[in-house]
PDB file of N, CA and C in Angstrom:
ATOM      1  N   MET A   1     -60.118 107.023 -78.560  1.00  0.00           N
ATOM      2  CA  MET A   1     -60.909 106.507 -77.569  1.00  0.00           C
ATOM      3  C   MET A   1     -61.150 104.921 -77.592  1.00  0.00           C
ATOM      4  N   MET A   2     -61.089 104.271 -76.484  1.00  0.00           N
ATOM      5  CA  MET A   2     -61.159 102.926 -76.245  1.00  0.00           C
ATOM      6  C   MET A   2     -62.499 102.319 -76.492  1.00  0.00           C
ATOM      7  N   ASP A   3     -62.494 101.052 -77.082  1.00  0.00           N
ATOM      8  CA  ASP A   3     -63.701 100.230 -77.172  1.00  0.00           C
ATOM      9  C   ASP A   3     -63.926  99.680 -75.672  1.00  0.00           C
ATOM     10  N   LEU A   4     -64.893 100.145 -74.993  1.00  0.00           N
ATOM     11  CA  LEU A   4     -64.842  99.804 -73.423  1.00  0.00           C
ATOM     12  C   LEU A   4     -65.145  98.401 -73.184  1.00  0.00           C
ATOM     13  N   ASN A   5     -65.957  97.867 -74.045  1.00  0.00           N
ATOM     14  CA  ASN A   5     -66.259  96.392 -73.790  1.00  0.00           C
ATOM     15  C   ASN A   5     -65.182  95.459 -74.034  1.00  0.00           C
ATOM     16  N   LEU A   6     -64.502  95.744 -75.379  1.00  0.00           N
ATOM     17  CA  LEU A   6     -63.374  94.892 -75.603  1.00  0.00           C
ATOM     18  C   LEU A   6     -62.223  95.182 -74.550  1.00  0.00           C
ATOM     19  N   THR A   7     -61.898  96.275 -74.313  1.00  0.00           N
ATOM     20  CA  THR A   7     -60.842  96.674 -73.387  1.00  0.00           C
ATOM     21  C   THR A   7     -61.247  96.027 -71.857  1.00  0.00           C
ATOM     22  N   PHE A   8     -62.529  95.860 -71.665  1.00  0.00           N
ATOM     23  CA  PHE A   8     -62.852  95.216 -70.270  1.00  0.00           C
ATOM     24  C   PHE A   8     -62.577  93.647 -70.293  1.00  0.00           C
ATOM     25  N   SER A   9     -62.980  93.200 -71.535  1.00  0.00           N
ATOM     26  CA  SER A   9     -62.719  91.729 -71.736  1.00  0.00           C
ATOM     27  C   SER A   9     -61.335  91.338 -71.776  1.00  0.00           C
ATOM     28  N   LEU A  10     -60.529  92.250 -72.349  1.00  0.00           N
ATOM     29  CA  LEU A  10     -58.995  91.990 -72.516  1.00  0.00           C
ATOM     30  C   LEU A  10     -58.347  92.188 -71.176  1.00  0.00           C
ATOM     31  N   LEU A  11     -58.568  93.218 -70.460  1.00  0.00           N
ATOM     32  CA  LEU A  11     -58.036  93.653 -69.142  1.00  0.00           C
ATOM     33  C   LEU A  11     -58.321  92.489 -68.053  1.00  0.00           C
ATOM     34  N   THR A  12     -59.612  92.088 -68.193  1.00  0.00           N
ATOM     35  CA  THR A  12     -59.837  91.043 -67.133  1.00  0.00           C
ATOM     36  C   THR A  12     -59.164  89.757 -67.514  1.00  0.00           C
ATOM     37  N   GLY A  13     -59.072  89.579 -68.691  1.00  0.00           N
ATOM     38  CA  GLY A  13     -58.158  88.426 -69.090  1.00  0.00           C
ATOM     39  C   GLY A  13     -56.789  88.444 -68.648  1.00  0.00           C
ATOM     40  N   ILE A  14     -56.243  89.623 -68.692  1.00  0.00           N
ATOM     41  CA  ILE A  14     -54.735  89.904 -68.345  1.00  0.00           C
ATOM     42  C   ILE A  14     -54.675  89.631 -66.874  1.00  0.00           C
ATOM     43  N   ALA A  15     -55.654  90.260 -66.086  1.00  0.00           N
ATOM     44  CA  ALA A  15     -55.789  89.965 -64.705  1.00  0.00           C
ATOM     45  C   ALA A  15     -55.607  88.479 -64.350  1.00  0.00           C
ATOM     46  N   ALA A  16     -56.451  87.868 -65.095  1.00  0.00           N
ATOM     47  CA  ALA A  16     -56.794  86.291 -64.813  1.00  0.00           C
ATOM     48  C   ALA A  16     -55.351  85.510 -65.180  1.00  0.00           C
ATOM     49  N   ALA A  17     -54.579  86.040 -65.914  1.00  0.00           N
ATOM     50  CA  ALA A  17     -53.437  85.498 -66.442  1.00  0.00           C
ATOM     51  C   ALA A  17     -52.150  85.920 -65.651  1.00  0.00           C
ATOM     52  N   CYS A  18     -52.366  87.032 -64.972  1.00  0.00           N
ATOM     53  CA  CYS A  18     -51.297  87.787 -64.079  1.00  0.00           C
ATOM     54  C   CYS A  18     -51.884  87.904 -62.809  1.00  0.00           C
ATOM     55  N   PRO A  19     -52.214  86.961 -62.036  1.00  0.00           N
ATOM     56  CA  PRO A  19     -52.881  87.151 -60.730  1.00  0.00           C
ATOM     57  C   PRO A  19     -52.199  87.817 -59.668  1.00  0.00           C
ATOM     58  N   ASP A  20     -50.991  87.965 -59.824  1.00  0.00           N
ATOM     59  CA  ASP A  20     -50.077  88.907 -58.837  1.00  0.00           C
ATOM     60  C   ASP A  20     -50.013  90.229 -59.115  1.00  0.00           C
ATOM     61  N   GLY A  21     -50.396  90.429 -60.424  1.00  0.00           N
ATOM     62  CA  GLY A  21     -50.341  92.029 -60.867  1.00  0.00           C
ATOM     63  C   GLY A  21     -49.779  92.236 -62.184  1.00  0.00           C
ATOM     64  N   PHE A  22     -50.045  93.395 -62.781  1.00  0.00           N
ATOM     65  CA  PHE A  22     -49.518  93.775 -64.132  1.00  0.00           C
ATOM     66  C   PHE A  22     -49.712  95.223 -64.306  1.00  0.00           C
ATOM     67  N   THR A  23     -49.033  95.648 -65.193  1.00  0.00           N
ATOM     68  CA  THR A  23     -49.126  97.131 -65.753  1.00  0.00           C
ATOM     69  C   THR A  23     -49.081  97.063 -67.240  1.00  0.00           C
ATOM     70  N   VAL A  24     -50.046  97.576 -67.969  1.00  0.00           N
ATOM     71  CA  VAL A  24     -50.203  97.682 -69.400  1.00  0.00           C
ATOM     72  C   VAL A  24     -50.434  98.944 -70.057  1.00  0.00           C
ATOM     73  N   ASP A  25     -49.935  99.364 -71.199  1.00  0.00           N
ATOM     74  CA  ASP A  25     -50.260 100.588 -71.844  1.00  0.00           C
ATOM     75  C   ASP A  25     -51.862 100.648 -72.178  1.00  0.00           C
ATOM     76  N   LYS A  26     -52.275 101.764 -71.782  1.00  0.00           N
ATOM     77  CA  LYS A  26     -53.897 101.978 -71.864  1.00  0.00           C
ATOM     78  C   LYS A  26     -54.420 101.770 -73.330  1.00  0.00           C
ATOM     79  N   ASN A  27     -53.659 101.994 -74.278  1.00  0.00           N
ATOM     80  CA  ASN A  27     -54.077 101.920 -75.624  1.00  0.00           C
ATOM     81  C   ASN A  27     -53.963 100.594 -76.350  1.00  0.00           C
ATOM     82  N   THR A  28     -52.719  99.894 -76.138  1.00  0.00           N
ATOM     83  CA  THR A  28     -52.380  98.740 -76.743  1.00  0.00           C
ATOM     84  C   THR A  28     -52.496  97.553 -75.819  1.00  0.00           C
ATOM     85  N   LEU A  29     -52.650  97.782 -74.490  1.00  0.00           N
ATOM     86  CA  LEU A  29     -52.703  96.779 -73.479  1.00  0.00           C
ATOM     87  C   LEU A  29     -51.466  95.750 -73.486  1.00  0.00           C
ATOM     88  N   GLU A  30     -50.481  96.305 -74.000  1.00  0.00           N
ATOM     89  CA  GLU A  30     -48.998  95.677 -74.048  1.00  0.00           C
ATOM     90  C   GLU A  30     -48.333  95.956 -72.625  1.00  0.00           C
ATOM     91  N   PRO A  31     -47.618  95.042 -72.153  1.00  0.00           N
ATOM     92  CA  PRO A  31     -47.044  95.180 -70.906  1.00  0.00           C
ATOM     93  C   PRO A  31     -45.880  96.354 -70.845  1.00  0.00           C
ATOM     94  N   ILE A  32     -45.947  97.088 -69.824  1.00  0.00           N
ATOM     95  CA  ILE A  32     -44.960  98.111 -69.640  1.00  0.00           C
ATOM     96  C   ILE A  32     -43.967  97.572 -68.531  1.00  0.00           C
ATOM     97  N   THR A  33     -42.501  97.695 -68.856  1.00  0.00           N
ATOM     98  CA  THR A  33     -41.608  97.184 -68.254  1.00  0.00           C
ATOM     99  C   THR A  33     -40.573  98.150 -67.532  1.00  0.00           C
ATOM    100  N   THR A  34     -40.698  99.485 -67.965  1.00  0.00           N
ATOM    101  CA  THR A  34     -39.767 100.317 -67.450  1.00  0.00           C
ATOM    102  C   THR A  34     -40.675 101.623 -66.952  1.00  0.00           C
ATOM    103  N   GLY A  35     -39.901 102.242 -66.125  1.00  0.00           N
ATOM    104  CA  GLY A  35     -40.534 103.476 -65.313  1.00  0.00           C
ATOM    105  C   GLY A  35     -41.086 103.219 -64.033  1.00  0.00           C
ATOM    106  N   TYR A  36     -41.932 104.172 -63.553  1.00  0.00           N
ATOM    107  CA  TYR A  36     -42.497 104.059 -62.105  1.00  0.00           C
ATOM    108  C   TYR A  36     -43.946 104.261 -62.354  1.00  0.00           C
ATOM    109  N   SER A  37     -44.673 103.335 -61.795  1.00  0.00           N
ATOM    110  CA  SER A  37     -46.105 103.209 -61.908  1.00  0.00           C
ATOM    111  C   SER A  37     -46.843 104.056 -60.731  1.00  0.00           C
ATOM    112  N   VAL A  38     -47.652 105.053 -60.886  1.00  0.00           N
ATOM    113  CA  VAL A  38     -48.300 105.886 -59.961  1.00  0.00           C
ATOM    114  C   VAL A  38     -49.711 105.682 -60.193  1.00  0.00           C
ATOM    115  N   ALA A  39     -50.547 105.134 -59.295  1.00  0.00           N
ATOM    116  CA  ALA A  39     -51.865 105.229 -59.347  1.00  0.00           C
ATOM    117  C   ALA A  39     -52.646 106.508 -59.004  1.00  0.00           C
ATOM    118  N   VAL A  40     -53.617 106.779 -59.699  1.00  0.00           N
ATOM    119  CA  VAL A  40     -54.270 108.097 -59.300  1.00  0.00           C
ATOM    120  C   VAL A  40     -55.359 108.014 -58.204  1.00  0.00           C
ATOM    121  N   ALA A  41     -55.579 109.004 -57.610  1.00  0.00           N
ATOM    122  CA  ALA A  41     -56.648 108.897 -56.509  1.00  0.00           C
ATOM    123  C   ALA A  41     -58.036 108.672 -57.060  1.00  0.00           C
ATOM    124  N   GLY A  42     -58.279 109.081 -58.360  1.00  0.00           N
ATOM    125  CA  GLY A  42     -59.619 108.909 -58.856  1.00  0.00           C
ATOM    126  C   GLY A  42     -60.192 107.407 -58.973  1.00  0.00           C
ATOM    127  N   THR A  43     -59.284 106.681 -59.029  1.00  0.00           N
ATOM    128  CA  THR A  43     -59.792 105.271 -58.989  1.00  0.00           C
ATOM    129  C   THR A  43     -59.261 104.380 -57.882  1.00  0.00           C
ATOM    130  N   GLN A  44     -59.124 104.916 -56.781  1.00  0.00           N
ATOM    131  CA  GLN A  44     -58.770 104.240 -55.485  1.00  0.00           C
ATOM    132  C   GLN A  44     -59.849 103.283 -55.138  1.00  0.00           C
ATOM    133  N   ASN A  45     -59.477 102.204 -54.760  1.00  0.00           N
ATOM    134  CA  ASN A  45     -60.411 101.125 -54.118  1.00  0.00           C
ATOM    135  C   ASN A  45     -61.350 100.545 -55.206  1.00  0.00           C
ATOM    136  N   SER A  46     -60.692 100.427 -56.455  1.00  0.00           N
ATOM    137  CA  SER A  46     -61.485  99.798 -57.591  1.00  0.00           C
ATOM    138  C   SER A  46     -61.076  98.280 -57.671  1.00  0.00           C
ATOM    139  N   PHE A  47     -62.003  97.378 -57.262  1.00  0.00           N
ATOM    140  CA  PHE A  47     -61.759  96.049 -57.225  1.00  0.00           C
ATOM    141  C   PHE A  47     -62.751  95.148 -57.956  1.00  0.00           C
ATOM    142  N   GLY A  48     -62.583  94.070 -58.366  1.00  0.00           N
ATOM    143  CA  GLY A  48     -63.452  93.129 -58.989  1.00  0.00           C
ATOM    144  C   GLY A  48     -63.978  93.664 -60.523  1.00  0.00           C
ATOM    145  N   ASN A  49     -64.987  93.108 -60.958  1.00  0.00           N
ATOM    146  CA  ASN A  49     -65.421  93.675 -62.239  1.00  0.00           C
ATOM    147  C   ASN A  49     -65.793  95.144 -62.346  1.00  0.00           C
ATOM    148  N   TYR A  50     -66.521  95.510 -61.342  1.00  0.00           N
ATOM    149  CA  TYR A  50     -66.976  96.757 -61.292  1.00  0.00           C
ATOM    150  C   TYR A  50     -65.920  97.643 -61.135  1.00  0.00           C
ATOM    151  N   GLY A  51     -64.740  97.440 -60.450  1.00  0.00           N
ATOM    152  CA  GLY A  51     -63.619  98.276 -60.385  1.00  0.00           C
ATOM    153  C   GLY A  51     -62.844  98.263 -61.785  1.00  0.00           C
ATOM    154  N   ALA A  52     -62.739  97.242 -62.606  1.00  0.00           N
ATOM    155  CA  ALA A  52     -62.164  97.136 -63.740  1.00  0.00           C
ATOM    156  C   ALA A  52     -62.980  98.071 -64.813  1.00  0.00           C
ATOM    157  N   ALA A  53     -64.235  97.887 -64.680  1.00  0.00           N
ATOM    158  CA  ALA A  53     -65.072  98.881 -65.537  1.00  0.00           C
ATOM    159  C   ALA A  53     -64.823 100.411 -65.295  1.00  0.00           C
ATOM    160  N   ARG A  54     -64.698 100.735 -63.852  1.00  0.00           N
ATOM    161  CA  ARG A  54     -64.640 102.002 -63.459  1.00  0.00           C
ATOM    162  C   ARG A  54     -63.187 102.542 -63.927  1.00  0.00           C
ATOM    163  N   VAL A  55     -62.229 101.845 -63.841  1.00  0.00           N
ATOM    164  CA  VAL A  55     -60.862 102.345 -64.088  1.00  0.00           C
ATOM    165  C   VAL A  55     -60.776 102.536 -65.650  1.00  0.00           C
ATOM    166  N   ILE A  56     -61.331 101.707 -66.569  1.00  0.00           N
ATOM    167  CA  ILE A  56     -61.441 101.747 -68.024  1.00  0.00           C
ATOM    168  C   ILE A  56     -62.021 103.035 -68.381  1.00  0.00           C
ATOM    169  N   ALA A  57     -63.260 103.274 -67.770  1.00  0.00           N
ATOM    170  CA  ALA A  57     -64.043 104.493 -68.099  1.00  0.00           C
ATOM    171  C   ALA A  57     -63.288 105.652 -67.591  1.00  0.00           C
ATOM    172  N   TYR A  58     -62.518 105.618 -66.415  1.00  0.00           N
ATOM    173  CA  TYR A  58     -61.828 106.769 -65.939  1.00  0.00           C
ATOM    174  C   TYR A  58     -60.576 107.151 -66.884  1.00  0.00           C
ATOM    175  N   ALA A  59     -59.936 106.107 -67.282  1.00  0.00           N
ATOM    176  CA  ALA A  59     -58.710 106.333 -68.169  1.00  0.00           C
ATOM    177  C   ALA A  59     -59.233 106.774 -69.585  1.00  0.00           C
ATOM    178  N   ASN A  60     -60.304 106.370 -69.952  1.00  0.00           N
ATOM    179  CA  ASN A  60     -60.821 106.890 -71.301  1.00  0.00           C
ATOM    180  C   ASN A  60     -61.228 108.251 -71.339  1.00  0.00           C
ATOM    181  N   ASN A  61     -61.544 108.888 -70.129  1.00  0.00           N
ATOM    182  CA  ASN A  61     -61.935 110.295 -70.177  1.00  0.00           C
ATOM    183  C   ASN A  61     -60.946 111.247 -69.418  1.00  0.00           C
ATOM    184  N   HIS A  62     -59.585 110.613 -69.229  1.00  0.00           N
ATOM    185  CA  HIS A  62     -58.550 111.298 -68.711  1.00  0.00           C
ATOM    186  C   HIS A  62     -57.293 111.129 -69.486  1.00  0.00           C
ATOM    187  N   PRO A  63     -56.764 111.919 -70.422  1.00  0.00           N
ATOM    188  CA  PRO A  63     -55.753 111.761 -71.433  1.00  0.00           C
ATOM    189  C   PRO A  63     -54.495 111.428 -70.566  1.00  0.00           C
ATOM    190  N   GLU A  64     -54.311 112.108 -69.448  1.00  0.00           N
ATOM    191  CA  GLU A  64     -53.002 111.953 -68.576  1.00  0.00           C
ATOM    192  C   GLU A  64     -52.789 110.522 -68.282  1.00  0.00           C
ATOM    193  N   ILE A  65     -53.848 109.815 -68.163  1.00  0.00           N
ATOM    194  CA  ILE A  65     -53.508 108.263 -67.899  1.00  0.00           C
ATOM    195  C   ILE A  65     -52.989 107.640 -68.980  1.00  0.00           C
ATOM    196  N   ASN A  66     -51.796 106.983 -68.702  1.00  0.00           N
ATOM    197  CA  ASN A  66     -51.190 106.251 -69.807  1.00  0.00           C
ATOM    198  C   ASN A  66     -51.093 104.829 -69.687  1.00  0.00           C
ATOM    199  N   ALA A  67     -51.633 104.432 -68.492  1.00  0.00           N
ATOM    200  CA  ALA A  67     -51.516 102.910 -68.288  1.00  0.00           C
ATOM    201  C   ALA A  67     -52.729 102.389 -67.324  1.00  0.00           C
ATOM    202  N   LEU A  68     -52.806 101.111 -67.439  1.00  0.00           N
ATOM    203  CA  LEU A  68     -53.794 100.364 -66.366  1.00  0.00           C
ATOM    204  C   LEU A  68     -53.035  99.499 -65.744  1.00  0.00           C
ATOM    205  N   GLY A  69     -53.492  99.177 -64.569  1.00  0.00           N
ATOM    206  CA  GLY A  69     -52.792  98.283 -63.644  1.00  0.00           C
ATOM    207  C   GLY A  69     -53.759  97.384 -62.823  1.00  0.00           C
ATOM    208  N   GLY A  70     -52.993  96.299 -62.170  1.00  0.00           N
ATOM    209  CA  GLY A  70     -53.832  95.518 -61.474  1.00  0.00           C
ATOM    210  C   GLY A  70     -52.909  94.876 -60.467  1.00  0.00           C
ATOM    211  N   TRP A  71     -53.217  94.607 -59.222  1.00  0.00           N
ATOM    212  CA  TRP A  71     -52.440  94.054 -58.259  1.00  0.00           C
ATOM    213  C   TRP A  71     -53.418  93.246 -57.161  1.00  0.00           C
ATOM    214  N   TYR A  72     -52.857  92.267 -56.689  1.00  0.00           N
ATOM    215  CA  TYR A  72     -53.666  91.364 -55.632  1.00  0.00           C
ATOM    216  C   TYR A  72     -53.261  91.761 -54.121  1.00  0.00           C
ATOM    217  N   ASN A  73     -54.176  92.215 -53.449  1.00  0.00           N
ATOM    218  CA  ASN A  73     -53.986  92.611 -52.020  1.00  0.00           C
ATOM    219  C   ASN A  73     -54.062  91.277 -51.172  1.00  0.00           C
ATOM    220  N   SER A  74     -52.940  90.767 -50.769  1.00  0.00           N
ATOM    221  CA  SER A  74     -53.199  89.482 -50.047  1.00  0.00           C
ATOM    222  C   SER A  74     -53.738  89.733 -48.633  1.00  0.00           C
ATOM    223  N   GLU A  75     -53.799  90.977 -48.177  1.00  0.00           N
ATOM    224  CA  GLU A  75     -54.195  91.357 -46.840  1.00  0.00           C
ATOM    225  C   GLU A  75     -55.713  91.251 -46.662  1.00  0.00           C
ATOM    226  N   ASN A  76     -56.484  91.382 -47.919  1.00  0.00           N
ATOM    227  CA  ASN A  76     -58.003  91.356 -47.888  1.00  0.00           C
ATOM    228  C   ASN A  76     -58.416  90.349 -48.943  1.00  0.00           C
ATOM    229  N   GLY A  77     -57.622  89.820 -49.734  1.00  0.00           N
ATOM    230  CA  GLY A  77     -58.090  88.820 -50.766  1.00  0.00           C
ATOM    231  C   GLY A  77     -58.586  89.521 -52.069  1.00  0.00           C
ATOM    232  N   GLN A  78     -58.526  90.927 -52.140  1.00  0.00           N
ATOM    233  CA  GLN A  78     -59.242  91.556 -53.354  1.00  0.00           C
ATOM    234  C   GLN A  78     -58.203  91.815 -54.419  1.00  0.00           C
ATOM    235  N   PHE A  79     -58.626  91.696 -55.625  1.00  0.00           N
ATOM    236  CA  PHE A  79     -57.722  92.068 -56.855  1.00  0.00           C
ATOM    237  C   PHE A  79     -58.221  93.539 -57.187  1.00  0.00           C
ATOM    238  N   TYR A  80     -57.248  94.388 -57.184  1.00  0.00           N
ATOM    239  CA  TYR A  80     -57.473  95.929 -57.485  1.00  0.00           C
ATOM    240  C   TYR A  80     -57.072  96.257 -58.820  1.00  0.00           C
ATOM    241  N   TYR A  81     -57.827  97.165 -59.360  1.00  0.00           N
ATOM    242  CA  TYR A  81     -57.355  97.776 -60.550  1.00  0.00           C
ATOM    243  C   TYR A  81     -57.027  99.314 -60.474  1.00  0.00           C
ATOM    244  N   ASP A  82     -56.098  99.859 -61.211  1.00  0.00           N
ATOM    245  CA  ASP A  82     -55.830 101.082 -60.992  1.00  0.00           C
ATOM    246  C   ASP A  82     -55.718 101.926 -62.480  1.00  0.00           C
ATOM    247  N   ALA A  83     -56.029 103.095 -62.508  1.00  0.00           N
ATOM    248  CA  ALA A  83     -55.651 104.084 -63.602  1.00  0.00           C
ATOM    249  C   ALA A  83     -54.311 104.523 -63.153  1.00  0.00           C
ATOM    250  N   VAL A  84     -53.409 104.616 -64.109  1.00  0.00           N
ATOM    251  CA  VAL A  84     -51.967 104.641 -63.651  1.00  0.00           C
ATOM    252  C   VAL A  84     -51.228 105.670 -64.752  1.00  0.00           C
ATOM    253  N   ILE A  85     -50.305 106.501 -64.121  1.00  0.00           N
ATOM    254  CA  ILE A  85     -49.447 107.357 -64.811  1.00  0.00           C
ATOM    255  C   ILE A  85     -48.037 106.696 -64.763  1.00  0.00           C
ATOM    256  N   ILE A  86     -47.435 106.482 -65.907  1.00  0.00           N
ATOM    257  CA  ILE A  86     -46.057 105.999 -65.790  1.00  0.00           C
ATOM    258  C   ILE A  86     -45.185 107.092 -65.878  1.00  0.00           C
ATOM    259  N   CYS A  87     -44.346 107.271 -64.788  1.00  0.00           N
ATOM    260  CA  CYS A  87     -43.149 108.369 -64.855  1.00  0.00           C
ATOM    261  C   CYS A  87     -41.896 107.831 -65.147  1.00  0.00           C
ATOM    262  N   SER A  88     -41.077 108.608 -65.736  1.00  0.00           N
ATOM    263  CA  SER A  88     -39.699 108.163 -66.161  1.00  0.00           C
ATOM    264  C   SER A  88     -38.742 108.326 -65.178  1.00  0.00           C
ATOM    265  N   THR A  89     -38.928 109.225 -64.188  1.00  0.00           N
ATOM    266  CA  THR A  89     -37.984 109.481 -62.993  1.00  0.00           C
ATOM    267  C   THR A  89     -38.515 109.252 -61.710  1.00  0.00           C
ATOM    268  N   LEU A  90     -37.813 108.818 -60.675  1.00  0.00           N
ATOM    269  CA  LEU A  90     -38.203 108.589 -59.376  1.00  0.00           C
ATOM    270  C   LEU A  90     -38.637 109.821 -58.819  1.00  0.00           C
ATOM    271  N   ASP A  91     -38.186 110.901 -58.984  1.00  0.00           N
ATOM    272  CA  ASP A  91     -38.476 112.278 -58.280  1.00  0.00           C
ATOM    273  C   ASP A  91     -39.900 112.431 -58.658  1.00  0.00           C
ATOM    274  N   GLU A  92     -40.127 112.510 -60.231  1.00  0.00           N
ATOM    275  CA  GLU A  92     -41.482 112.840 -60.808  1.00  0.00           C
ATOM    276  C   GLU A  92     -42.548 111.805 -60.143  1.00  0.00           C
ATOM    277  N   ALA A  93     -42.353 110.525 -59.998  1.00  0.00           N
ATOM    278  CA  ALA A  93     -43.172 109.607 -59.558  1.00  0.00           C
ATOM    279  C   ALA A  93     -43.572 109.764 -57.944  1.00  0.00           C
ATOM    280  N   LEU A  94     -42.541 110.141 -57.256  1.00  0.00           N
ATOM    281  CA  LEU A  94     -42.775 110.468 -55.911  1.00  0.00           C
ATOM    282  C   LEU A  94     -43.636 111.589 -55.632  1.00  0.00           C
ATOM    283  N   SER A  95     -43.371 112.727 -56.368  1.00  0.00           N
ATOM    284  CA  SER A  95     -44.027 113.968 -56.276  1.00  0.00           C
ATOM    285  C   SER A  95     -45.623 113.716 -56.736  1.00  0.00           C
ATOM    286  N   LEU A  96     -45.791 112.924 -57.881  1.00  0.00           N
ATOM    287  CA  LEU A  96     -47.090 112.610 -58.207  1.00  0.00           C
ATOM    288  C   LEU A  96     -47.825 111.739 -57.268  1.00  0.00           C
ATOM    289  N   ALA A  97     -47.158 110.736 -56.713  1.00  0.00           N
ATOM    290  CA  ALA A  97     -47.739 109.914 -55.817  1.00  0.00           C
ATOM    291  C   ALA A  97     -48.145 110.740 -54.497  1.00  0.00           C
ATOM    292  N   LYS A  98     -47.569 111.652 -54.010  1.00  0.00           N
ATOM    293  CA  LYS A  98     -47.795 112.462 -52.822  1.00  0.00           C
ATOM    294  C   LYS A  98     -48.956 113.213 -53.363  1.00  0.00           C
ATOM    295  N   ALA A  99     -49.124 113.890 -54.451  1.00  0.00           N
ATOM    296  CA  ALA A  99     -50.342 114.586 -54.878  1.00  0.00           C
ATOM    297  C   ALA A  99     -51.485 113.775 -54.955  1.00  0.00           C
ATOM    298  N   HIS A 100     -51.379 112.395 -55.241  1.00  0.00           N
ATOM    299  CA  HIS A 100     -52.522 111.440 -55.246  1.00  0.00           C
ATOM    300  C   HIS A 100     -52.732 110.778 -53.939  1.00  0.00           C
ATOM    301  N   ASP A 101     -52.035 111.114 -52.857  1.00  0.00           N
ATOM    302  CA  ASP A 101     -52.167 110.520 -51.492  1.00  0.00           C
ATOM    303  C   ASP A 101     -51.970 108.836 -51.668  1.00  0.00           C
ATOM    304  N   GLN A 102     -51.054 108.616 -52.345  1.00  0.00           N
ATOM    305  CA  GLN A 102     -50.719 107.218 -52.461  1.00  0.00           C
ATOM    306  C   GLN A 102     -49.659 106.736 -51.450  1.00  0.00           C
ATOM    307  N   ILE A 103     -49.779 105.508 -51.081  1.00  0.00           N
ATOM    308  CA  ILE A 103     -48.829 105.049 -49.954  1.00  0.00           C
ATOM    309  C   ILE A 103     -47.592 104.371 -50.604  1.00  0.00           C
ATOM    310  N   ALA A 104     -47.671 104.010 -51.803  1.00  0.00           N
ATOM    311  CA  ALA A 104     -46.585 103.327 -52.484  1.00  0.00           C
ATOM    312  C   ALA A 104     -46.702 103.679 -54.003  1.00  0.00           C
ATOM    313  N   ILE A 105     -45.531 103.421 -54.676  1.00  0.00           N
ATOM    314  CA  ILE A 105     -45.387 103.365 -56.122  1.00  0.00           C
ATOM    315  C   ILE A 105     -44.797 102.055 -56.380  1.00  0.00           C
ATOM    316  N   PHE A 106     -44.799 101.735 -57.861  1.00  0.00           N
ATOM    317  CA  PHE A 106     -44.169 100.522 -58.166  1.00  0.00           C
ATOM    318  C   PHE A 106     -42.971 100.755 -59.249  1.00  0.00           C
ATOM    319  N   ASP A 107     -41.751 100.384 -59.011  1.00  0.00           N
ATOM    320  CA  ASP A 107     -40.735 100.396 -59.732  1.00  0.00           C
ATOM    321  C   ASP A 107     -40.629  99.350 -60.875  1.00  0.00           C
ATOM    322  N   LEU A 108     -41.062  99.553 -61.966  1.00  0.00           N
ATOM    323  CA  LEU A 108     -41.175  98.508 -62.893  1.00  0.00           C
ATOM    324  C   LEU A 108     -39.839  98.104 -63.451  1.00  0.00           C
ATOM    325  N   ASN A 109     -38.748  98.820 -63.416  1.00  0.00           N
ATOM    326  CA  ASN A 109     -37.429  98.393 -63.831  1.00  0.00           C
ATOM    327  C   ASN A 109     -36.843  97.417 -62.853  1.00  0.00           C
ATOM    328  N   ASN A 110     -37.195  97.326 -61.527  1.00  0.00           N
ATOM    329  CA  ASN A 110     -36.657  96.387 -60.531  1.00  0.00           C
ATOM    330  C   ASN A 110     -37.821  95.503 -59.928  1.00  0.00           C
ATOM    331  N   LEU A 111     -39.020  95.913 -60.446  1.00  0.00           N
ATOM    332  CA  LEU A 111     -40.135  95.024 -59.877  1.00  0.00           C
ATOM    333  C   LEU A 111     -40.255  95.072 -58.349  1.00  0.00           C
ATOM    334  N   GLN A 112     -40.254  96.280 -57.899  1.00  0.00           N
ATOM    335  CA  GLN A 112     -40.294  96.518 -56.400  1.00  0.00           C
ATOM    336  C   GLN A 112     -41.201  97.636 -56.089  1.00  0.00           C
ATOM    337  N   GLU A 113     -41.976  97.381 -55.119  1.00  0.00           N
ATOM    338  CA  GLU A 113     -42.724  98.414 -54.369  1.00  0.00           C
ATOM    339  C   GLU A 113     -41.921  99.466 -53.690  1.00  0.00           C
ATOM    340  N   ILE A 114     -42.140 100.722 -53.752  1.00  0.00           N
ATOM    341  CA  ILE A 114     -41.297 101.714 -53.046  1.00  0.00           C
ATOM    342  C   ILE A 114     -42.540 102.389 -52.190  1.00  0.00           C
ATOM    343  N   ARG A 115     -42.317 102.191 -50.957  1.00  0.00           N
ATOM    344  CA  ARG A 115     -43.238 102.924 -49.912  1.00  0.00           C
ATOM    345  C   ARG A 115     -42.861 104.405 -49.823  1.00  0.00           C
ATOM    346  N   LEU A 116     -43.801 105.145 -49.665  1.00  0.00           N
ATOM    347  CA  LEU A 116     -43.598 106.673 -49.470  1.00  0.00           C
ATOM    348  C   LEU A 116     -43.388 106.920 -47.887  1.00  0.00           C
TER     349      LEU A 116
END
């Protein structure tokens, strides 16, 4: 189990240091640089401090979540947080993204968004 207050403090610090976005391991908060990042529907539209706390609590209660992510939406000026599952293959990521009604995934290997 995560220390929710410590994780919140560290995660919001990571977001401040990485204003364009990040993906980190849920337990260590170390950057993840390989695989495909797929956000889950359960934390859709989580932004600001409330969103960060919501995502951390969700990840703490869902063992399938293996990462936490954040990204800046330039269209509305909001910084979003996501509970994330890292997939090793593109096919797995696309299938999972469709199941969670996502419009895109992120390819961590090439730092590129992939629209569905």
